[in-house]
Amino acid sequence: MHVISFKRLREFASTHKDAGAPLRAWYSVAKNTHWQNLAEVKKVYPAADLVGRYTVFNIKGNKYRLITRVVYRTQTVFIIQVLTHQEYNLGKWKE
């Protein structure tokens, strides 16, 4: 998969230091795979959920949420946002 963009992960990790290693691990897995659908994503990340058109990943034991848009046809993952669980629950990211 082509992941756009690692910069958002790095920026989030700069203020949430404990998220750095788990986000880098997710990035490494995502860029080295060829998911064709959500079922294949769930084989690697069973807690991944489809929320509207976004695929949401739990990071660091659900402490953080990685919101992505996965386009299987073009093998592209767009990083939309990385949020704390509390920020995610507010739901403002859906707007």
N, C-alpha and C. Protein backbone atom coordinates (compact mmCIF):
# COMPACT_ATOMS: atom_id res chain seq x y z
N MET A 1 0.84 -1.17 0.00
CA MET A 1 0.00 0.00 0.00
C MET A 1 0.89 1.24 0.00
N HIS A 2 0.43 2.27 -0.65
CA HIS A 2 1.11 3.56 -0.62
C HIS A 2 0.44 4.38 0.48
N VAL A 3 1.19 4.78 1.49
CA VAL A 3 0.63 5.49 2.65
C VAL A 3 0.94 6.98 2.52
N ILE A 4 -0.11 7.78 2.57
CA ILE A 4 0.00 9.24 2.48
C ILE A 4 -0.61 9.84 3.73
N SER A 5 0.03 10.46 4.59
CA SER A 5 1.45 10.69 4.59
C SER A 5 2.00 10.39 5.98
N PHE A 6 3.23 9.90 6.00
CA PHE A 6 3.89 9.58 7.27
C PHE A 6 4.04 10.82 8.14
N LYS A 7 4.06 11.98 7.51
CA LYS A 7 4.24 13.25 8.25
C LYS A 7 3.21 13.40 9.36
N ARG A 8 1.96 13.05 9.10
CA ARG A 8 0.92 13.17 10.13
C ARG A 8 1.19 12.26 11.32
N LEU A 9 1.71 11.09 11.05
CA LEU A 9 2.05 10.18 12.14
C LEU A 9 3.20 10.75 12.96
N ARG A 10 4.21 11.27 12.27
CA ARG A 10 5.37 11.85 12.95
C ARG A 10 4.97 13.06 13.78
N GLU A 11 4.11 13.91 13.25
CA GLU A 11 3.66 15.10 13.98
C GLU A 11 2.89 14.71 15.25
N PHE A 12 2.02 13.72 15.15
CA PHE A 12 1.28 13.27 16.32
C PHE A 12 2.23 12.70 17.37
N ALA A 13 3.18 11.91 16.91
CA ALA A 13 4.13 11.28 17.83
C ALA A 13 5.04 12.31 18.50
N SER A 14 5.21 13.46 17.89
CA SER A 14 6.06 14.49 18.51
C SER A 14 5.41 15.05 19.78
N THR A 15 4.10 14.98 19.88
CA THR A 15 3.41 15.47 21.09
C THR A 15 2.90 14.33 21.97
N HIS A 16 2.85 13.13 21.42
CA HIS A 16 2.43 11.94 22.17
C HIS A 16 3.53 10.89 21.98
N LYS A 17 4.59 11.04 22.76
CA LYS A 17 5.80 10.24 22.58
C LYS A 17 5.54 8.73 22.59
N ASP A 18 4.60 8.28 23.42
CA ASP A 18 4.35 6.84 23.51
C ASP A 18 3.64 6.28 22.28
N ALA A 19 3.19 7.15 21.39
CA ALA A 19 2.53 6.70 20.16
C ALA A 19 3.51 6.45 19.03
N GLY A 20 4.74 6.93 19.17
CA GLY A 20 5.71 6.84 18.09
C GLY A 20 5.97 5.43 17.60
N ALA A 21 6.36 4.54 18.48
CA ALA A 21 6.69 3.16 18.08
C ALA A 21 5.48 2.43 17.51
N PRO A 22 4.30 2.50 18.14
CA PRO A 22 3.14 1.80 17.56
C PRO A 22 2.73 2.36 16.19
N LEU A 23 2.85 3.67 16.00
CA LEU A 23 2.50 4.25 14.71
C LEU A 23 3.52 3.85 13.63
N ARG A 24 4.79 3.82 13.99
CA ARG A 24 5.80 3.36 13.03
C ARG A 24 5.57 1.89 12.67
N ALA A 25 5.19 1.09 13.65
CA ALA A 25 4.91 -0.32 13.40
C ALA A 25 3.72 -0.47 12.45
N TRP A 26 2.65 0.29 12.69
CA TRP A 26 1.48 0.26 11.80
C TRP A 26 1.90 0.66 10.39
N TYR A 27 2.66 1.73 10.28
CA TYR A 27 3.11 2.23 8.97
C TYR A 27 3.91 1.16 8.23
N SER A 28 4.80 0.50 8.93
CA SER A 28 5.63 -0.54 8.32
C SER A 28 4.77 -1.67 7.77
N VAL A 29 3.79 -2.10 8.54
CA VAL A 29 2.90 -3.16 8.09
C VAL A 29 2.09 -2.68 6.88
N ALA A 30 1.50 -1.49 6.98
CA ALA A 30 0.62 -0.98 5.92
C ALA A 30 1.37 -0.81 4.60
N LYS A 31 2.57 -0.27 4.65
CA LYS A 31 3.28 -0.01 3.39
C LYS A 31 3.81 -1.28 2.74
N ASN A 32 3.87 -2.37 3.50
CA ASN A 32 4.38 -3.63 2.97
C ASN A 32 3.30 -4.67 2.72
N THR A 33 2.06 -4.22 2.56
CA THR A 33 0.96 -5.15 2.34
C THR A 33 0.18 -4.74 1.09
N HIS A 34 -0.74 -5.59 0.70
CA HIS A 34 -1.59 -5.32 -0.47
C HIS A 34 -3.03 -5.70 -0.14
N TRP A 35 -3.61 -4.99 0.83
CA TRP A 35 -4.98 -5.30 1.21
C TRP A 35 -5.92 -5.09 0.03
N GLN A 36 -6.88 -5.99 -0.12
CA GLN A 36 -7.88 -5.89 -1.17
C GLN A 36 -9.26 -5.52 -0.64
N ASN A 37 -9.45 -5.66 0.68
CA ASN A 37 -10.75 -5.36 1.28
C ASN A 37 -10.59 -5.32 2.80
N LEU A 38 -11.66 -4.93 3.48
CA LEU A 38 -11.63 -4.81 4.94
C LEU A 38 -11.37 -6.16 5.62
N ALA A 39 -11.86 -7.22 5.05
CA ALA A 39 -11.63 -8.55 5.64
C ALA A 39 -10.14 -8.85 5.73
N GLU A 40 -9.38 -8.46 4.71
CA GLU A 40 -7.93 -8.67 4.74
C GLU A 40 -7.26 -7.78 5.78
N VAL A 41 -7.75 -6.56 5.93
CA VAL A 41 -7.23 -5.66 6.96
C VAL A 41 -7.45 -6.29 8.33
N LYS A 42 -8.64 -6.83 8.53
CA LYS A 42 -9.00 -7.41 9.84
C LYS A 42 -8.20 -8.67 10.18
N LYS A 43 -7.61 -9.31 9.19
CA LYS A 43 -6.74 -10.45 9.47
C LYS A 43 -5.50 -9.99 10.23
N VAL A 44 -5.05 -8.79 9.93
CA VAL A 44 -3.86 -8.23 10.59
C VAL A 44 -4.25 -7.38 11.79
N TYR A 45 -5.33 -6.60 11.64
CA TYR A 45 -5.82 -5.70 12.69
C TYR A 45 -7.29 -6.02 12.97
N PRO A 46 -7.56 -7.04 13.81
CA PRO A 46 -8.93 -7.47 14.05
C PRO A 46 -9.85 -6.37 14.59
N ALA A 47 -9.30 -5.39 15.27
CA ALA A 47 -10.14 -4.33 15.85
C ALA A 47 -10.39 -3.18 14.88
N ALA A 48 -9.84 -3.24 13.67
CA ALA A 48 -10.08 -2.18 12.68
C ALA A 48 -11.57 -2.14 12.35
N ASP A 49 -12.10 -0.93 12.25
CA ASP A 49 -13.52 -0.77 11.97
C ASP A 49 -13.74 0.18 10.81
N LEU A 50 -14.79 -0.07 10.05
CA LEU A 50 -15.22 0.83 9.01
C LEU A 50 -16.24 1.78 9.62
N VAL A 51 -15.93 3.07 9.60
CA VAL A 51 -16.83 4.10 10.14
C VAL A 51 -17.10 5.05 8.98
N GLY A 52 -18.31 4.91 8.39
CA GLY A 52 -18.58 5.66 7.17
C GLY A 52 -17.62 5.18 6.09
N ARG A 53 -16.90 6.09 5.49
CA ARG A 53 -15.93 5.71 4.46
C ARG A 53 -14.51 5.59 4.99
N TYR A 54 -14.35 5.67 6.31
CA TYR A 54 -13.04 5.63 6.93
C TYR A 54 -12.78 4.30 7.62
N THR A 55 -11.53 3.88 7.58
CA THR A 55 -11.10 2.71 8.35
C THR A 55 -10.36 3.24 9.56
N VAL A 56 -10.80 2.83 10.74
CA VAL A 56 -10.24 3.32 11.99
C VAL A 56 -9.47 2.19 12.66
N PHE A 57 -8.21 2.50 13.01
CA PHE A 57 -7.34 1.53 13.67
C PHE A 57 -7.12 1.95 15.12
N ASN A 58 -7.11 0.98 16.00
CA ASN A 58 -6.75 1.22 17.40
C ASN A 58 -5.23 1.14 17.49
N ILE A 59 -4.65 2.14 18.13
CA ILE A 59 -3.20 2.20 18.28
C ILE A 59 -2.86 2.21 19.76
N LYS A 60 -1.84 1.48 20.13
CA LYS A 60 -1.36 1.39 21.52
C LYS A 60 -2.47 0.97 22.47
N GLY A 61 -3.05 -0.17 22.19
CA GLY A 61 -4.07 -0.71 23.08
C GLY A 61 -5.31 0.15 23.17
N ASN A 62 -5.66 0.79 22.07
CA ASN A 62 -6.86 1.63 21.99
C ASN A 62 -6.70 2.98 22.68
N LYS A 63 -5.48 3.35 23.03
CA LYS A 63 -5.25 4.67 23.62
C LYS A 63 -5.39 5.76 22.55
N TYR A 64 -5.03 5.40 21.32
CA TYR A 64 -5.10 6.34 20.20
C TYR A 64 -5.89 5.72 19.07
N ARG A 65 -6.43 6.59 18.21
CA ARG A 65 -7.18 6.13 17.04
C ARG A 65 -6.55 6.73 15.79
N LEU A 66 -6.29 5.87 14.83
CA LEU A 66 -5.76 6.27 13.54
C LEU A 66 -6.88 6.19 12.53
N ILE A 67 -7.25 7.34 11.98
CA ILE A 67 -8.36 7.40 11.03
C ILE A 67 -7.77 7.49 9.64
N THR A 68 -8.15 6.55 8.79
CA THR A 68 -7.61 6.48 7.44
C THR A 68 -8.72 6.35 6.41
N ARG A 69 -8.36 6.62 5.19
CA ARG A 69 -9.23 6.34 4.05
C ARG A 69 -8.45 5.38 3.18
N VAL A 70 -8.92 4.14 3.08
CA VAL A 70 -8.22 3.12 2.31
C VAL A 70 -8.91 2.99 0.95
N VAL A 71 -8.13 3.17 -0.10
CA VAL A 71 -8.63 3.00 -1.46
C VAL A 71 -7.96 1.75 -2.02
N TYR A 72 -8.68 0.66 -1.95
CA TYR A 72 -8.12 -0.64 -2.33
C TYR A 72 -7.75 -0.69 -3.81
N ARG A 73 -8.56 -0.08 -4.64
CA ARG A 73 -8.33 -0.11 -6.09
C ARG A 73 -6.97 0.46 -6.46
N THR A 74 -6.57 1.55 -5.80
CA THR A 74 -5.29 2.19 -6.10
C THR A 74 -4.20 1.83 -5.10
N GLN A 75 -4.54 0.96 -4.14
CA GLN A 75 -3.59 0.53 -3.12
C GLN A 75 -3.01 1.73 -2.36
N THR A 76 -3.90 2.63 -1.94
CA THR A 76 -3.48 3.84 -1.25
C THR A 76 -4.21 3.97 0.09
N VAL A 77 -3.45 4.34 1.12
CA VAL A 77 -4.02 4.63 2.43
C VAL A 77 -3.74 6.10 2.72
N PHE A 78 -4.79 6.87 2.90
CA PHE A 78 -4.65 8.28 3.26
C PHE A 78 -4.81 8.41 4.77
N ILE A 79 -3.82 8.99 5.44
CA ILE A 79 -3.91 9.25 6.87
C ILE A 79 -4.77 10.50 7.03
N ILE A 80 -5.93 10.36 7.63
CA ILE A 80 -6.82 11.50 7.83
C ILE A 80 -6.47 12.21 9.13
N GLN A 81 -6.42 11.47 10.22
CA GLN A 81 -6.10 12.04 11.52
C GLN A 81 -5.63 10.96 12.47
N VAL A 82 -4.86 11.40 13.45
CA VAL A 82 -4.53 10.53 14.59
C VAL A 82 -5.05 11.29 15.81
N LEU A 83 -5.83 10.61 16.63
CA LEU A 83 -6.46 11.25 17.78
C LEU A 83 -6.28 10.41 19.03
N THR A 84 -6.38 11.07 20.17
CA THR A 84 -6.48 10.31 21.41
C THR A 84 -7.87 9.68 21.42
N HIS A 85 -8.04 8.67 22.24
CA HIS A 85 -9.36 8.03 22.32
C HIS A 85 -10.43 9.05 22.74
N GLN A 86 -10.07 9.93 23.66
CA GLN A 86 -11.01 10.95 24.13
C GLN A 86 -11.40 11.89 22.99
N GLU A 87 -10.43 12.36 22.20
CA GLU A 87 -10.72 13.24 21.07
C GLU A 87 -11.61 12.54 20.05
N TYR A 88 -11.32 11.27 19.81
CA TYR A 88 -12.11 10.48 18.87
C TYR A 88 -13.57 10.40 19.32
N ASN A 89 -13.78 10.16 20.61
CA ASN A 89 -15.14 10.01 21.13
C ASN A 89 -15.96 11.28 21.01
N LEU A 90 -15.32 12.44 20.93
CA LEU A 90 -16.06 13.69 20.75
C LEU A 90 -16.75 13.73 19.39
N GLY A 91 -16.21 13.01 18.42
CA GLY A 91 -16.85 12.89 17.11
C GLY A 91 -16.64 14.06 16.17
N LYS A 92 -15.87 15.05 16.55
CA LYS A 92 -15.67 16.22 15.69
C LYS A 92 -14.95 15.87 14.40
N TRP A 93 -14.18 14.78 14.41
CA TRP A 93 -13.45 14.38 13.21
C TRP A 93 -14.37 13.98 12.06
N LYS A 94 -15.62 13.66 12.38
CA LYS A 94 -16.58 13.24 11.35
C LYS A 94 -17.12 14.41 10.55
N GLU A 95 -16.91 15.61 11.05
CA GLU A 95 -17.48 16.80 10.39
C GLU A 95 -16.69 17.19 9.16
